[in-house]
C-alpha atoms as a PDB file:
ATOM      1  CA  MET A   1      94.462 119.006  93.432  1.00  0.00           C
ATOM      2  CA  ASN A   2      97.256 116.845  92.102  1.00  0.00           C
ATOM      3  CA  VAL A   3     100.045 114.686  93.457  1.00  0.00           C
ATOM      4  CA  ASN A   4     103.370 116.166  92.350  1.00  0.00           C
ATOM      5  CA  GLU A   5     105.753 113.727  94.000  1.00  0.00           C
ATOM      6  CA  VAL A   6     105.865 110.813  96.426  1.00  0.00           C
ATOM      7  CA  GLY A   7     108.954 109.963  98.439  1.00  0.00           C
ATOM      8  CA  VAL A   8     109.210 106.707 100.368  1.00  0.00           C
ATOM      9  CA  ALA A   9     111.706 106.079 103.163  1.00  0.00           C
ATOM     10  CA  SER A  10     114.299 103.357 102.608  1.00  0.00           C
ATOM     11  CA  ASP A  11     112.656 101.190 105.291  1.00  0.00           C
ATOM     12  CA  LEU A  12     109.260 101.643 103.545  1.00  0.00           C
ATOM     13  CA  LYS A  13     107.615 102.680 106.815  1.00  0.00           C
ATOM     14  CA  SER A  14     106.824 106.263 105.824  1.00  0.00           C
ATOM     15  CA  ALA A  15     105.937 108.189 102.691  1.00  0.00           C
ATOM     16  CA  LYS A  16     105.867 111.902 101.932  1.00  0.00           C
ATOM     17  CA  VAL A  17     103.195 112.917  99.447  1.00  0.00           C
ATOM     18  CA  PHE A  18     103.666 116.350  97.890  1.00  0.00           C
ATOM     19  CA  VAL A  19     100.300 117.711  96.790  1.00  0.00           C
ATOM     20  CA  GLY A  20      99.637 120.747  94.635  1.00  0.00           C
ATOM     21  CA  VAL A  21      96.426 122.684  95.216  1.00  0.00           C
ATOM     22  CA  VAL A  22      95.444 125.529  92.913  1.00  0.00           C
ATOM     23  CA  GLY A  23      93.379 128.116  94.730  1.00  0.00           C
ATOM     24  CA  SER A  24      93.419 130.666  97.486  1.00  0.00           C
ATOM     25  CA  ASP A  25      95.387 130.250 100.698  1.00  0.00           C
ATOM     26  CA  THR A  26      92.135 129.362 102.478  1.00  0.00           C
ATOM     27  CA  GLN A  27      91.346 126.653  99.902  1.00  0.00           C
ATOM     28  CA  ARG A  28      94.859 125.252 100.213  1.00  0.00           C
ATOM     29  CA  LYS A  29      94.547 125.060 104.009  1.00  0.00           C
ATOM     30  CA  LYS A  30      91.144 123.357 103.738  1.00  0.00           C
ATOM     31  CA  ALA A  31      92.553 120.832 101.285  1.00  0.00           C
ATOM     32  CA  ALA A  32      95.499 120.102 103.596  1.00  0.00           C
ATOM     33  CA  ALA A  33      93.148 119.633 106.560  1.00  0.00           C
ATOM     34  CA  LEU A  34      90.919 117.286 104.558  1.00  0.00           C
ATOM     35  CA  LEU A  35      93.881 115.201 103.391  1.00  0.00           C
ATOM     36  CA  GLU A  36      95.108 114.885 106.967  1.00  0.00           C
ATOM     37  CA  LYS A  37      91.621 113.936 108.138  1.00  0.00           C
ATOM     38  CA  LYS A  38      91.382 111.205 105.459  1.00  0.00           C
ATOM     39  CA  ARG A  39      94.980 110.010 105.851  1.00  0.00           C
ATOM     40  CA  GLY A  40      93.904 106.749 107.489  1.00  0.00           C
ATOM     41  CA  TYR A  41      91.506 106.018 104.639  1.00  0.00           C
ATOM     42  CA  PHE A  42      94.278 106.499 102.068  1.00  0.00           C
ATOM     43  CA  GLN A  43      96.570 104.222 104.076  1.00  0.00           C
ATOM     44  CA  GLN A  44      93.853 101.532 104.107  1.00  0.00           C
ATOM     45  CA  LEU A  45      93.496 101.772 100.334  1.00  0.00           C
ATOM     46  CA  MET A  46      97.244 101.442  99.944  1.00  0.00           C
ATOM     47  CA  ALA A  47      97.352  98.444 102.296  1.00  0.00           C
ATOM     48  CA  ARG A  48      94.803  96.628 100.126  1.00  0.00           C
ATOM     49  CA  GLU A  49      96.704  97.283  96.897  1.00  0.00           C
ATOM     50  CA  VAL A  50     100.377  97.104  97.923  1.00  0.00           C
ATOM     51  CA  VAL A  51     101.805  93.950  99.442  1.00  0.00           C
ATOM     52  CA  LEU A  52     104.336  95.021 102.052  1.00  0.00           C
ATOM     53  CA  ARG A  53     105.128  93.940 105.576  1.00  0.00           C
ATOM     54  CA  TYR A  54     104.281  97.459 106.778  1.00  0.00           C
ATOM     55  CA  THR A  55     101.966  99.985 105.214  1.00  0.00           C
ATOM     56  CA  PRO A  56     103.865 103.258 104.936  1.00  0.00           C
ATOM     57  CA  LYS A  57     102.588 106.050 107.160  1.00  0.00           C
ATOM     58  CA  ILE A  58     101.560 108.855 104.828  1.00  0.00           C
ATOM     59  CA  LYS A  59     102.482 112.469 105.514  1.00  0.00           C
ATOM     60  CA  PHE A  60     100.988 115.078 103.191  1.00  0.00           C
ATOM     61  CA  HIS A  61     102.903 118.233 102.273  1.00  0.00           C
ATOM     62  CA  LEU A  62     101.521 121.148 100.288  1.00  0.00           C
ATOM     63  CA  ASP A  63     103.679 121.798  97.234  1.00  0.00           C
ATOM     64  CA  ASP A  64     103.495 125.248  95.668  1.00  0.00           C
ATOM     65  CA  SER A  65     105.904 124.558  92.790  1.00  0.00           C
ATOM     66  CA  ILE A  66     103.146 124.778  90.168  1.00  0.00           C
ATOM     67  CA  GLU A  67     101.985 128.150  91.493  1.00  0.00           C
ATOM     68  CA  GLN A  68     105.593 129.369  91.493  1.00  0.00           C
ATOM     69  CA  GLY A  69     105.990 128.217  87.894  1.00  0.00           C
ATOM     70  CA  ASN A  70     102.777 129.988  86.893  1.00  0.00           C
ATOM     71  CA  ARG A  71     104.038 133.184  88.527  1.00  0.00           C
ATOM     72  CA  VAL A  72     107.320 132.986  86.592  1.00  0.00           C
ATOM     73  CA  LEU A  73     105.382 132.515  83.345  1.00  0.00           C
ATOM     74  CA  GLN A  74     103.194 135.501  84.190  1.00  0.00           C
ATOM     75  CA  ILE A  75     106.252 137.680  84.819  1.00  0.00           C
ATOM     76  CA  LEU A  76     107.825 136.566  81.531  1.00  0.00           C
ATOM     77  CA  GLU A  77     104.608 137.408  79.650  1.00  0.00           C
ATOM     78  CA  GLU A  78     104.545 140.855  81.285  1.00  0.00           C
ATOM     79  CA  LEU A  79     108.164 141.450  80.274  1.00  0.00           C
ATOM     80  CA  GLU A  80     107.425 140.375  76.681  1.00  0.00           C
ATOM     81  CA  GLY A  81     104.494 142.796  76.569  1.00  0.00           C
ATOM     82  CA  GLU A  82     106.741 145.666  77.645  1.00  0.00           C
ATOM     83  CA  GLY A  83     109.386 144.894  75.002  1.00  0.00           C
END
């Protein structure tokens, strides 16, 4: 699991965290459920470390860009092997 990108709203009240999970669809869904379950814990950690009037509300999003990139590389390797 890795964090690919974090976007924070201009009012600093919300943040979108794009997370990449390598694995099966079932593993990705479990990871998303666990992140959502622990969202409050992550917000508490952020509140301790970041001095802001409001702690941004975190929303996790699964990001499949790494898997898409790996698929493109695989296709390119297959095409090279045919040539």
